[in-house]
PDB file of N, CA and C in Angstrom:
ATOM      1  N   MET A   1      38.460 168.529  14.508  1.00  0.00           N
ATOM      2  CA  MET A   1      39.725 169.459  15.085  1.00  0.00           C
ATOM      3  C   MET A   1      40.208 167.971  15.865  1.00  0.00           C
ATOM      4  N   ALA A   2      41.709 167.758  15.473  1.00  0.00           N
ATOM      5  CA  ALA A   2      42.535 166.946  16.278  1.00  0.00           C
ATOM      6  C   ALA A   2      44.154 167.382  16.269  1.00  0.00           C
ATOM      7  N   ILE A   3      44.845 167.131  17.123  1.00  0.00           N
ATOM      8  CA  ILE A   3      46.217 167.079  17.337  1.00  0.00           C
ATOM      9  C   ILE A   3      46.835 166.373  16.351  1.00  0.00           C
ATOM     10  N   THR A   4      47.938 166.407  15.412  1.00  0.00           N
ATOM     11  CA  THR A   4      47.705 165.168  14.550  1.00  0.00           C
ATOM     12  C   THR A   4      49.388 165.177  14.524  1.00  0.00           C
ATOM     13  N   GLY A   5      50.500 165.553  15.347  1.00  0.00           N
ATOM     14  CA  GLY A   5      51.613 165.533  15.565  1.00  0.00           C
ATOM     15  C   GLY A   5      52.470 166.572  16.397  1.00  0.00           C
ATOM     16  N   ILE A   6      53.567 166.151  16.870  1.00  0.00           N
ATOM     17  CA  ILE A   6      54.939 167.530  17.653  1.00  0.00           C
ATOM     18  C   ILE A   6      55.603 167.858  16.584  1.00  0.00           C
ATOM     19  N   GLU A   7      55.231 168.716  16.527  1.00  0.00           N
ATOM     20  CA  GLU A   7      56.626 169.549  15.664  1.00  0.00           C
ATOM     21  C   GLU A   7      57.836 169.408  16.331  1.00  0.00           C
ATOM     22  N   HIS A   8      57.908 170.066  17.466  1.00  0.00           N
ATOM     23  CA  HIS A   8      59.300 170.148  18.215  1.00  0.00           C
ATOM     24  C   HIS A   8      59.032 169.983  19.484  1.00  0.00           C
ATOM     25  N   ILE A   9      60.154 169.644  20.208  1.00  0.00           N
ATOM     26  CA  ILE A   9      59.849 169.607  21.994  1.00  0.00           C
ATOM     27  C   ILE A   9      61.057 171.022  22.245  1.00  0.00           C
ATOM     28  N   GLN A  10      60.671 171.539  22.956  1.00  0.00           N
ATOM     29  CA  GLN A  10      61.657 172.485  23.665  1.00  0.00           C
ATOM     30  C   GLN A  10      62.203 172.510  25.084  1.00  0.00           C
ATOM     31  N   LEU A  11      63.299 172.497  25.031  1.00  0.00           N
ATOM     32  CA  LEU A  11      63.892 172.131  26.820  1.00  0.00           C
ATOM     33  C   LEU A  11      64.669 173.408  26.884  1.00  0.00           C
ATOM     34  N   ALA A  12      64.726 173.706  27.926  1.00  0.00           N
ATOM     35  CA  ALA A  12      65.790 175.005  28.708  1.00  0.00           C
ATOM     36  C   ALA A  12      67.114 174.781  29.023  1.00  0.00           C
ATOM     37  N   MET A  13      67.825 175.678  28.515  1.00  0.00           N
ATOM     38  CA  MET A  13      69.271 175.249  28.981  1.00  0.00           C
ATOM     39  C   MET A  13      69.938 176.870  29.403  1.00  0.00           C
ATOM     40  N   PRO A  14      70.974 176.846  30.450  1.00  0.00           N
ATOM     41  CA  PRO A  14      71.842 178.276  31.046  1.00  0.00           C
ATOM     42  C   PRO A  14      72.295 178.841  29.559  1.00  0.00           C
ATOM     43  N   ALA A  15      72.506 180.273  29.786  1.00  0.00           N
ATOM     44  CA  ALA A  15      73.128 181.165  28.797  1.00  0.00           C
ATOM     45  C   ALA A  15      74.148 180.532  28.635  1.00  0.00           C
ATOM     46  N   GLY A  16      75.022 180.388  27.625  1.00  0.00           N
ATOM     47  CA  GLY A  16      76.415 179.995  27.197  1.00  0.00           C
ATOM     48  C   GLY A  16      77.038 178.935  27.468  1.00  0.00           C
ATOM     49  N   GLU A  17      75.891 178.028  27.511  1.00  0.00           N
ATOM     50  CA  GLU A  17      76.392 176.410  27.494  1.00  0.00           C
ATOM     51  C   GLU A  17      76.211 175.591  26.349  1.00  0.00           C
ATOM     52  N   GLU A  18      75.908 176.893  24.655  1.00  0.00           N
ATOM     53  CA  GLU A  18      75.892 175.564  23.738  1.00  0.00           C
ATOM     54  C   GLU A  18      76.548 174.671  23.656  1.00  0.00           C
ATOM     55  N   GLN A  19      78.188 174.776  23.529  1.00  0.00           N
ATOM     56  CA  GLN A  19      78.758 173.581  23.624  1.00  0.00           C
ATOM     57  C   GLN A  19      78.776 172.410  24.015  1.00  0.00           C
ATOM     58  N   ALA A  20      78.464 172.637  25.037  1.00  0.00           N
ATOM     59  CA  ALA A  20      77.850 171.287  26.189  1.00  0.00           C
ATOM     60  C   ALA A  20      76.726 171.041  25.595  1.00  0.00           C
ATOM     61  N   ALA A  21      75.827 171.623  25.123  1.00  0.00           N
ATOM     62  CA  ALA A  21      74.812 171.163  24.383  1.00  0.00           C
ATOM     63  C   ALA A  21      75.092 170.686  23.078  1.00  0.00           C
ATOM     64  N   ARG A  22      75.893 170.914  22.175  1.00  0.00           N
ATOM     65  CA  ARG A  22      76.316 170.034  20.850  1.00  0.00           C
ATOM     66  C   ARG A  22      77.205 168.545  21.398  1.00  0.00           C
ATOM     67  N   ALA A  23      77.720 168.921  22.443  1.00  0.00           N
ATOM     68  CA  ALA A  23      78.883 167.452  22.764  1.00  0.00           C
ATOM     69  C   ALA A  23      77.617 166.313  23.478  1.00  0.00           C
ATOM     70  N   PHE A  24      76.500 166.839  23.903  1.00  0.00           N
ATOM     71  CA  PHE A  24      75.644 166.120  24.361  1.00  0.00           C
ATOM     72  C   PHE A  24      74.728 165.356  23.359  1.00  0.00           C
ATOM     73  N   TYR A  25      74.167 166.561  22.812  1.00  0.00           N
ATOM     74  CA  TYR A  25      72.855 166.265  21.985  1.00  0.00           C
ATOM     75  C   TYR A  25      73.113 165.532  20.706  1.00  0.00           C
ATOM     76  N   ASP A  26      74.286 166.434  20.179  1.00  0.00           N
ATOM     77  CA  ASP A  26      74.850 165.879  18.573  1.00  0.00           C
ATOM     78  C   ASP A  26      76.171 164.664  18.483  1.00  0.00           C
ATOM     79  N   GLY A  27      77.096 165.281  19.468  1.00  0.00           N
ATOM     80  CA  GLY A  27      77.962 164.330  19.745  1.00  0.00           C
ATOM     81  C   GLY A  27      77.622 162.777  20.368  1.00  0.00           C
ATOM     82  N   LEU A  28      77.008 162.795  21.597  1.00  0.00           N
ATOM     83  CA  LEU A  28      76.544 161.846  21.952  1.00  0.00           C
ATOM     84  C   LEU A  28      75.157 160.889  21.448  1.00  0.00           C
ATOM     85  N   LEU A  29      74.465 161.519  21.400  1.00  0.00           N
ATOM     86  CA  LEU A  29      72.595 161.252  21.288  1.00  0.00           C
ATOM     87  C   LEU A  29      72.671 161.290  19.458  1.00  0.00           C
ATOM     88  N   GLY A  30      73.934 162.043  18.937  1.00  0.00           N
ATOM     89  CA  GLY A  30      73.524 161.416  17.332  1.00  0.00           C
ATOM     90  C   GLY A  30      72.881 162.278  16.743  1.00  0.00           C
ATOM     91  N   ILE A  31      71.872 163.202  17.448  1.00  0.00           N
ATOM     92  CA  ILE A  31      71.102 164.369  16.560  1.00  0.00           C
ATOM     93  C   ILE A  31      71.596 165.258  16.497  1.00  0.00           C
ATOM     94  N   PRO A  32      71.476 165.486  15.019  1.00  0.00           N
ATOM     95  CA  PRO A  32      72.660 166.717  14.329  1.00  0.00           C
ATOM     96  C   PRO A  32      72.098 167.972  14.720  1.00  0.00           C
ATOM     97  N   GLU A  33      73.445 169.069  15.004  1.00  0.00           N
ATOM     98  CA  GLU A  33      72.576 170.422  14.988  1.00  0.00           C
ATOM     99  C   GLU A  33      72.347 170.843  13.820  1.00  0.00           C
ATOM    100  N   VAL A  34      71.112 171.788  13.686  1.00  0.00           N
ATOM    101  CA  VAL A  34      70.610 172.447  12.412  1.00  0.00           C
ATOM    102  C   VAL A  34      70.605 173.870  12.938  1.00  0.00           C
ATOM    103  N   PRO A  35      71.046 174.986  12.041  1.00  0.00           N
ATOM    104  CA  PRO A  35      70.897 176.279  12.043  1.00  0.00           C
ATOM    105  C   PRO A  35      69.697 176.809  12.545  1.00  0.00           C
ATOM    106  N   LYS A  36      70.043 177.464  13.659  1.00  0.00           N
ATOM    107  CA  LYS A  36      68.615 178.514  13.812  1.00  0.00           C
ATOM    108  C   LYS A  36      68.066 179.444  13.300  1.00  0.00           C
ATOM    109  N   PRO A  37      67.130 180.009  12.675  1.00  0.00           N
ATOM    110  CA  PRO A  37      66.246 181.240  11.792  1.00  0.00           C
ATOM    111  C   PRO A  37      67.438 182.080  12.068  1.00  0.00           C
ATOM    112  N   ALA A  38      67.864 182.972  11.488  1.00  0.00           N
ATOM    113  CA  ALA A  38      68.081 184.225  11.490  1.00  0.00           C
ATOM    114  C   ALA A  38      67.588 185.129  12.636  1.00  0.00           C
ATOM    115  N   SER A  39      66.028 184.966  12.556  1.00  0.00           N
ATOM    116  CA  SER A  39      65.673 185.897  13.525  1.00  0.00           C
ATOM    117  C   SER A  39      65.567 185.417  14.935  1.00  0.00           C
ATOM    118  N   LEU A  40      65.592 184.403  15.084  1.00  0.00           N
ATOM    119  CA  LEU A  40      66.245 183.760  16.193  1.00  0.00           C
ATOM    120  C   LEU A  40      67.481 183.406  17.021  1.00  0.00           C
ATOM    121  N   ALA A  41      68.894 183.110  16.225  1.00  0.00           N
ATOM    122  CA  ALA A  41      69.986 183.260  16.490  1.00  0.00           C
ATOM    123  C   ALA A  41      70.151 184.355  17.510  1.00  0.00           C
ATOM    124  N   GLY A  42      70.020 185.070  17.791  1.00  0.00           N
ATOM    125  CA  GLY A  42      70.701 186.113  18.696  1.00  0.00           C
ATOM    126  C   GLY A  42      70.291 185.480  19.982  1.00  0.00           C
ATOM    127  N   ARG A  43      69.009 184.803  20.253  1.00  0.00           N
ATOM    128  CA  ARG A  43      68.587 184.216  21.723  1.00  0.00           C
ATOM    129  C   ARG A  43      69.347 183.685  22.117  1.00  0.00           C
ATOM    130  N   GLY A  44      70.656 182.721  21.598  1.00  0.00           N
ATOM    131  CA  GLY A  44      71.377 181.633  21.994  1.00  0.00           C
ATOM    132  C   GLY A  44      70.407 180.514  21.712  1.00  0.00           C
ATOM    133  N   GLY A  45      71.314 179.397  22.678  1.00  0.00           N
ATOM    134  CA  GLY A  45      70.426 178.059  22.548  1.00  0.00           C
ATOM    135  C   GLY A  45      70.783 177.094  21.310  1.00  0.00           C
ATOM    136  N   CYS A  46      70.437 176.070  21.089  1.00  0.00           N
ATOM    137  CA  CYS A  46      70.612 175.104  19.947  1.00  0.00           C
ATOM    138  C   CYS A  46      69.077 174.354  19.130  1.00  0.00           C
ATOM    139  N   TRP A  47      69.427 174.123  18.370  1.00  0.00           N
ATOM    140  CA  TRP A  47      68.170 173.357  17.507  1.00  0.00           C
ATOM    141  C   TRP A  47      68.803 171.621  17.001  1.00  0.00           C
ATOM    142  N   PHE A  48      68.292 170.859  17.378  1.00  0.00           N
ATOM    143  CA  PHE A  48      68.863 169.355  16.977  1.00  0.00           C
ATOM    144  C   PHE A  48      67.738 169.083  16.291  1.00  0.00           C
ATOM    145  N   GLU A  49      68.188 168.494  14.883  1.00  0.00           N
ATOM    146  CA  GLU A  49      67.361 167.716  13.870  1.00  0.00           C
ATOM    147  C   GLU A  49      67.752 166.300  13.488  1.00  0.00           C
ATOM    148  N   THR A  50      66.637 165.332  13.318  1.00  0.00           N
ATOM    149  CA  THR A  50      67.235 164.513  12.116  1.00  0.00           C
ATOM    150  C   THR A  50      65.707 163.824  12.152  1.00  0.00           C
ATOM    151  N   GLY A  51      65.381 163.392  10.984  1.00  0.00           N
ATOM    152  CA  GLY A  51      63.926 162.904  10.647  1.00  0.00           C
ATOM    153  C   GLY A  51      62.713 163.862  11.515  1.00  0.00           C
ATOM    154  N   SER A  52      62.048 163.118  11.681  1.00  0.00           N
ATOM    155  CA  SER A  52      61.037 163.615  12.416  1.00  0.00           C
ATOM    156  C   SER A  52      61.598 163.876  14.077  1.00  0.00           C
ATOM    157  N   VAL A  53      62.241 163.991  14.682  1.00  0.00           N
ATOM    158  CA  VAL A  53      62.817 164.412  15.699  1.00  0.00           C
ATOM    159  C   VAL A  53      63.278 166.007  15.587  1.00  0.00           C
ATOM    160  N   ARG A  54      62.605 166.517  16.306  1.00  0.00           N
ATOM    161  CA  ARG A  54      63.137 167.905  16.489  1.00  0.00           C
ATOM    162  C   ARG A  54      62.918 168.301  17.922  1.00  0.00           C
ATOM    163  N   LEU A  55      64.485 168.392  18.664  1.00  0.00           N
ATOM    164  CA  LEU A  55      64.539 168.618  19.692  1.00  0.00           C
ATOM    165  C   LEU A  55      65.180 170.337  19.783  1.00  0.00           C
ATOM    166  N   HIS A  56      64.809 171.279  20.335  1.00  0.00           N
ATOM    167  CA  HIS A  56      65.433 172.728  20.068  1.00  0.00           C
ATOM    168  C   HIS A  56      65.589 172.970  21.777  1.00  0.00           C
ATOM    169  N   LEU A  57      66.948 173.474  22.024  1.00  0.00           N
ATOM    170  CA  LEU A  57      67.309 174.042  23.519  1.00  0.00           C
ATOM    171  C   LEU A  57      67.109 175.421  23.268  1.00  0.00           C
ATOM    172  N   GLY A  58      66.298 176.028  24.410  1.00  0.00           N
ATOM    173  CA  GLY A  58      66.336 177.616  24.416  1.00  0.00           C
ATOM    174  C   GLY A  58      66.822 177.787  25.573  1.00  0.00           C
ATOM    175  N   VAL A  59      67.579 179.228  25.686  1.00  0.00           N
ATOM    176  CA  VAL A  59      68.433 179.690  26.688  1.00  0.00           C
ATOM    177  C   VAL A  59      67.385 180.572  27.546  1.00  0.00           C
ATOM    178  N   GLU A  60      67.274 180.033  28.980  1.00  0.00           N
ATOM    179  CA  GLU A  60      66.390 180.618  30.142  1.00  0.00           C
ATOM    180  C   GLU A  60      67.126 181.067  31.197  1.00  0.00           C
ATOM    181  N   GLN A  61      66.521 182.258  31.062  1.00  0.00           N
ATOM    182  CA  GLN A  61      67.167 183.420  32.643  1.00  0.00           C
ATOM    183  C   GLN A  61      66.997 182.770  33.790  1.00  0.00           C
ATOM    184  N   ASN A  62      67.613 182.421  34.610  1.00  0.00           N
ATOM    185  CA  ASN A  62      67.202 181.742  35.988  1.00  0.00           C
ATOM    186  C   ASN A  62      66.766 180.266  35.612  1.00  0.00           C
ATOM    187  N   PHE A  63      67.483 179.447  34.832  1.00  0.00           N
ATOM    188  CA  PHE A  63      67.268 178.592  34.273  1.00  0.00           C
ATOM    189  C   PHE A  63      67.344 177.372  35.617  1.00  0.00           C
ATOM    190  N   SER A  64      66.623 176.781  35.678  1.00  0.00           N
ATOM    191  CA  SER A  64      66.216 175.409  36.260  1.00  0.00           C
ATOM    192  C   SER A  64      65.592 174.098  35.159  1.00  0.00           C
ATOM    193  N   PRO A  65      66.220 173.022  35.634  1.00  0.00           N
ATOM    194  CA  PRO A  65      66.020 171.837  35.122  1.00  0.00           C
ATOM    195  C   PRO A  65      64.700 171.151  34.928  1.00  0.00           C
ATOM    196  N   ALA A  66      64.662 170.747  33.893  1.00  0.00           N
ATOM    197  CA  ALA A  66      62.970 169.915  34.165  1.00  0.00           C
ATOM    198  C   ALA A  66      63.601 168.373  34.670  1.00  0.00           C
ATOM    199  N   LYS A  67      63.330 168.444  35.580  1.00  0.00           N
ATOM    200  CA  LYS A  67      64.149 166.849  36.457  1.00  0.00           C
ATOM    201  C   LYS A  67      62.751 166.092  36.024  1.00  0.00           C
ATOM    202  N   LYS A  68      61.364 166.319  36.054  1.00  0.00           N
ATOM    203  CA  LYS A  68      60.290 164.707  35.838  1.00  0.00           C
ATOM    204  C   LYS A  68      60.230 164.859  34.779  1.00  0.00           C
ATOM    205  N   ALA A  69      59.596 166.301  34.262  1.00  0.00           N
ATOM    206  CA  ALA A  69      59.037 166.146  32.480  1.00  0.00           C
ATOM    207  C   ALA A  69      60.165 166.159  31.741  1.00  0.00           C
ATOM    208  N   HIS A  70      59.812 165.221  30.935  1.00  0.00           N
ATOM    209  CA  HIS A  70      60.928 165.183  29.747  1.00  0.00           C
ATOM    210  C   HIS A  70      60.704 164.358  28.312  1.00  0.00           C
ATOM    211  N   PRO A  71      61.635 164.657  27.533  1.00  0.00           N
ATOM    212  CA  PRO A  71      61.360 164.011  26.130  1.00  0.00           C
ATOM    213  C   PRO A  71      61.722 162.537  25.942  1.00  0.00           C
ATOM    214  N   ALA A  72      60.569 161.457  25.345  1.00  0.00           N
ATOM    215  CA  ALA A  72      61.423 160.097  25.368  1.00  0.00           C
ATOM    216  C   ALA A  72      61.555 159.646  24.330  1.00  0.00           C
ATOM    217  N   LEU A  73      63.064 159.637  23.713  1.00  0.00           N
ATOM    218  CA  LEU A  73      63.872 159.513  22.730  1.00  0.00           C
ATOM    219  C   LEU A  73      63.506 158.080  22.060  1.00  0.00           C
ATOM    220  N   LEU A  74      63.543 157.892  20.839  1.00  0.00           N
ATOM    221  CA  LEU A  74      63.400 156.399  20.532  1.00  0.00           C
ATOM    222  C   LEU A  74      65.347 155.796  19.674  1.00  0.00           C
ATOM    223  N   THR A  75      65.397 155.341  20.026  1.00  0.00           N
ATOM    224  CA  THR A  75      66.616 154.562  19.792  1.00  0.00           C
ATOM    225  C   THR A  75      66.588 152.876  19.273  1.00  0.00           C
ATOM    226  N   ASP A  76      67.446 152.474  18.429  1.00  0.00           N
ATOM    227  CA  ASP A  76      67.447 151.564  17.653  1.00  0.00           C
ATOM    228  C   ASP A  76      68.601 150.820  18.327  1.00  0.00           C
ATOM    229  N   ASN A  77      69.677 151.138  19.483  1.00  0.00           N
ATOM    230  CA  ASN A  77      70.506 150.455  19.975  1.00  0.00           C
ATOM    231  C   ASN A  77      70.479 150.814  21.424  1.00  0.00           C
ATOM    232  N   LEU A  78      69.920 150.766  22.275  1.00  0.00           N
ATOM    233  CA  LEU A  78      70.152 150.839  23.657  1.00  0.00           C
ATOM    234  C   LEU A  78      71.447 150.642  24.265  1.00  0.00           C
ATOM    235  N   ALA A  79      71.880 149.654  24.040  1.00  0.00           N
ATOM    236  CA  ALA A  79      72.682 149.365  24.815  1.00  0.00           C
ATOM    237  C   ALA A  79      73.963 149.806  24.583  1.00  0.00           C
ATOM    238  N   ALA A  80      74.422 150.512  23.387  1.00  0.00           N
ATOM    239  CA  ALA A  80      75.781 151.090  22.709  1.00  0.00           C
ATOM    240  C   ALA A  80      75.138 152.124  23.380  1.00  0.00           C
ATOM    241  N   LEU A  81      73.987 152.884  23.049  1.00  0.00           N
ATOM    242  CA  LEU A  81      73.848 154.523  23.341  1.00  0.00           C
ATOM    243  C   LEU A  81      74.524 154.856  25.167  1.00  0.00           C
ATOM    244  N   VAL A  82      73.625 153.556  26.421  1.00  0.00           N
ATOM    245  CA  VAL A  82      74.469 153.686  27.336  1.00  0.00           C
ATOM    246  C   VAL A  82      75.456 153.482  27.536  1.00  0.00           C
ATOM    247  N   HIS A  83      76.103 152.390  27.028  1.00  0.00           N
ATOM    248  CA  HIS A  83      77.733 152.580  26.954  1.00  0.00           C
ATOM    249  C   HIS A  83      78.218 153.872  26.973  1.00  0.00           C
ATOM    250  N   ALA A  84      77.990 154.358  25.285  1.00  0.00           N
ATOM    251  CA  ALA A  84      78.502 155.867  25.223  1.00  0.00           C
ATOM    252  C   ALA A  84      78.421 156.838  26.421  1.00  0.00           C
ATOM    253  N   LEU A  85      77.256 156.878  26.671  1.00  0.00           N
ATOM    254  CA  LEU A  85      76.749 157.932  27.668  1.00  0.00           C
ATOM    255  C   LEU A  85      77.854 157.254  29.108  1.00  0.00           C
ATOM    256  N   GLU A  86      77.574 156.463  29.235  1.00  0.00           N
ATOM    257  CA  GLU A  86      78.658 155.805  30.615  1.00  0.00           C
ATOM    258  C   GLU A  86      79.892 156.352  30.325  1.00  0.00           C
ATOM    259  N   ALA A  87      80.425 156.059  29.229  1.00  0.00           N
ATOM    260  CA  ALA A  87      82.135 156.423  29.272  1.00  0.00           C
ATOM    261  C   ALA A  87      82.315 157.793  29.122  1.00  0.00           C
ATOM    262  N   ALA A  88      81.149 158.712  28.607  1.00  0.00           N
ATOM    263  CA  ALA A  88      81.345 160.101  28.889  1.00  0.00           C
ATOM    264  C   ALA A  88      81.052 160.264  30.296  1.00  0.00           C
ATOM    265  N   GLY A  89      80.712 160.180  31.083  1.00  0.00           N
ATOM    266  CA  GLY A  89      80.437 159.936  32.629  1.00  0.00           C
ATOM    267  C   GLY A  89      79.195 160.520  32.520  1.00  0.00           C
ATOM    268  N   TYR A  90      78.341 159.876  32.220  1.00  0.00           N
ATOM    269  CA  TYR A  90      76.843 160.386  32.326  1.00  0.00           C
ATOM    270  C   TYR A  90      76.257 159.130  33.086  1.00  0.00           C
ATOM    271  N   ALA A  91      75.354 159.677  34.193  1.00  0.00           N
ATOM    272  CA  ALA A  91      74.874 158.133  34.865  1.00  0.00           C
ATOM    273  C   ALA A  91      73.556 157.942  34.329  1.00  0.00           C
ATOM    274  N   ILE A  92      73.055 156.571  34.268  1.00  0.00           N
ATOM    275  CA  ILE A  92      71.826 156.143  33.400  1.00  0.00           C
ATOM    276  C   ILE A  92      71.047 155.511  34.491  1.00  0.00           C
ATOM    277  N   ALA A  93      69.878 155.549  34.454  1.00  0.00           N
ATOM    278  CA  ALA A  93      68.891 155.230  35.512  1.00  0.00           C
ATOM    279  C   ALA A  93      67.913 154.143  35.132  1.00  0.00           C
ATOM    280  N   GLU A  94      67.448 153.150  35.419  1.00  0.00           N
ATOM    281  CA  GLU A  94      66.276 152.569  35.416  1.00  0.00           C
ATOM    282  C   GLU A  94      65.418 152.760  35.862  1.00  0.00           C
ATOM    283  N   ASP A  95      63.919 152.763  35.429  1.00  0.00           N
ATOM    284  CA  ASP A  95      63.052 153.198  36.203  1.00  0.00           C
ATOM    285  C   ASP A  95      61.508 151.622  35.946  1.00  0.00           C
ATOM    286  N   GLN A  96      60.890 151.746  36.460  1.00  0.00           N
ATOM    287  CA  GLN A  96      59.736 150.622  36.169  1.00  0.00           C
ATOM    288  C   GLN A  96      59.733 150.437  35.072  1.00  0.00           C
ATOM    289  N   PRO A  97      59.665 148.900  34.381  1.00  0.00           N
ATOM    290  CA  PRO A  97      59.725 148.436  33.134  1.00  0.00           C
ATOM    291  C   PRO A  97      58.222 148.961  32.198  1.00  0.00           C
ATOM    292  N   LEU A  98      58.446 149.149  31.386  1.00  0.00           N
ATOM    293  CA  LEU A  98      57.335 149.380  30.203  1.00  0.00           C
ATOM    294  C   LEU A  98      56.846 148.105  29.089  1.00  0.00           C
ATOM    295  N   GLU A  99      55.920 148.095  28.913  1.00  0.00           N
ATOM    296  CA  GLU A  99      55.648 146.666  27.936  1.00  0.00           C
ATOM    297  C   GLU A  99      55.980 147.188  26.915  1.00  0.00           C
ATOM    298  N   LYS A 100      56.716 146.520  25.975  1.00  0.00           N
ATOM    299  CA  LYS A 100      56.982 146.751  24.865  1.00  0.00           C
ATOM    300  C   LYS A 100      58.454 147.370  24.365  1.00  0.00           C
ATOM    301  N   TYR A 101      59.110 147.807  25.564  1.00  0.00           N
ATOM    302  CA  TYR A 101      59.982 148.840  25.411  1.00  0.00           C
ATOM    303  C   TYR A 101      61.392 148.532  26.649  1.00  0.00           C
ATOM    304  N   ASP A 102      62.724 148.619  26.456  1.00  0.00           N
ATOM    305  CA  ASP A 102      63.376 148.550  26.872  1.00  0.00           C
ATOM    306  C   ASP A 102      63.988 150.242  27.298  1.00  0.00           C
ATOM    307  N   ARG A 103      64.451 150.604  28.480  1.00  0.00           N
ATOM    308  CA  ARG A 103      64.518 152.191  28.473  1.00  0.00           C
ATOM    309  C   ARG A 103      65.459 152.432  29.747  1.00  0.00           C
ATOM    310  N   ARG A 104      65.926 153.824  29.584  1.00  0.00           N
ATOM    311  CA  ARG A 104      66.501 154.544  31.165  1.00  0.00           C
ATOM    312  C   ARG A 104      66.684 155.798  30.927  1.00  0.00           C
ATOM    313  N   PHE A 105      67.117 156.579  31.462  1.00  0.00           N
ATOM    314  CA  PHE A 105      67.265 157.655  31.907  1.00  0.00           C
ATOM    315  C   PHE A 105      68.322 158.330  32.043  1.00  0.00           C
ATOM    316  N   VAL A 106      68.757 159.331  31.643  1.00  0.00           N
ATOM    317  CA  VAL A 106      69.881 160.482  31.512  1.00  0.00           C
ATOM    318  C   VAL A 106      69.294 161.782  31.528  1.00  0.00           C
ATOM    319  N   HIS A 107      70.291 162.453  32.308  1.00  0.00           N
ATOM    320  CA  HIS A 107      70.290 164.002  32.547  1.00  0.00           C
ATOM    321  C   HIS A 107      71.417 164.641  31.718  1.00  0.00           C
ATOM    322  N   ASP A 108      70.900 165.389  30.987  1.00  0.00           N
ATOM    323  CA  ASP A 108      71.581 166.296  29.631  1.00  0.00           C
ATOM    324  C   ASP A 108      72.516 167.315  30.800  1.00  0.00           C
ATOM    325  N   PRO A 109      73.783 167.478  30.203  1.00  0.00           N
ATOM    326  CA  PRO A 109      74.734 168.456  30.887  1.00  0.00           C
ATOM    327  C   PRO A 109      74.033 169.484  31.922  1.00  0.00           C
ATOM    328  N   PHE A 110      72.820 169.640  31.649  1.00  0.00           N
ATOM    329  CA  PHE A 110      72.644 170.820  32.408  1.00  0.00           C
ATOM    330  C   PHE A 110      70.944 170.422  33.549  1.00  0.00           C
ATOM    331  N   GLY A 111      70.876 168.976  33.438  1.00  0.00           N
ATOM    332  CA  GLY A 111      70.015 168.445  34.581  1.00  0.00           C
ATOM    333  C   GLY A 111      68.843 168.057  34.105  1.00  0.00           C
ATOM    334  N   ASN A 112      68.356 168.159  32.417  1.00  0.00           N
ATOM    335  CA  ASN A 112      67.039 167.694  32.116  1.00  0.00           C
ATOM    336  C   ASN A 112      66.998 166.420  31.928  1.00  0.00           C
ATOM    337  N   ARG A 113      65.898 166.010  32.228  1.00  0.00           N
ATOM    338  CA  ARG A 113      65.585 164.691  32.233  1.00  0.00           C
ATOM    339  C   ARG A 113      65.284 163.887  30.882  1.00  0.00           C
ATOM    340  N   ILE A 114      66.125 163.101  30.677  1.00  0.00           N
ATOM    341  CA  ILE A 114      66.057 162.467  29.120  1.00  0.00           C
ATOM    342  C   ILE A 114      65.687 160.405  29.173  1.00  0.00           C
ATOM    343  N   GLU A 115      64.245 160.312  28.533  1.00  0.00           N
ATOM    344  CA  GLU A 115      64.189 159.002  28.407  1.00  0.00           C
ATOM    345  C   GLU A 115      64.531 158.297  27.510  1.00  0.00           C
ATOM    346  N   LEU A 116      65.085 157.197  26.856  1.00  0.00           N
ATOM    347  CA  LEU A 116      66.011 156.753  26.116  1.00  0.00           C
ATOM    348  C   LEU A 116      65.145 154.952  25.829  1.00  0.00           C
ATOM    349  N   MET A 117      64.416 154.990  25.137  1.00  0.00           N
ATOM    350  CA  MET A 117      63.257 153.711  24.652  1.00  0.00           C
ATOM    351  C   MET A 117      64.259 153.402  23.370  1.00  0.00           C
ATOM    352  N   GLN A 118      64.042 151.746  23.647  1.00  0.00           N
ATOM    353  CA  GLN A 118      64.376 150.936  22.690  1.00  0.00           C
ATOM    354  C   GLN A 118      62.866 149.816  22.404  1.00  0.00           C
ATOM    355  N   PRO A 119      62.242 149.629  21.370  1.00  0.00           N
ATOM    356  CA  PRO A 119      61.353 148.772  21.295  1.00  0.00           C
ATOM    357  C   PRO A 119      61.881 147.573  21.343  1.00  0.00           C
ATOM    358  N   ARG A 120      61.294 146.603  21.921  1.00  0.00           N
ATOM    359  CA  ARG A 120      61.527 145.329  21.650  1.00  0.00           C
ATOM    360  C   ARG A 120      61.157 144.485  20.752  1.00  0.00           C
TER     361      ARG A 120
END
């Protein structure tokens, strides 16, 4: 028995903020929104997927952002992504270097920490 992959990552978001999620995850990060199954659509939130990347945002009552826990998303052009995020008003942070990767951190519109990584 072994874990063979990750089907999706879910982050929490506040109720009624789907447009902000779409602007960030689809508009800036370029992960297209996909329809939620009808059985889950009434809960609110958004799903974003491309290739093997599946990031779901679910509405959480008494929302509190993930300040330390985070997904690490790979990109093929970190500099351009950082530029687009900064131009949209998002603060970018650096951290300790990691072997084989350039990386930066950003917080989504709700304060969830997101790591952006590009292989060297």
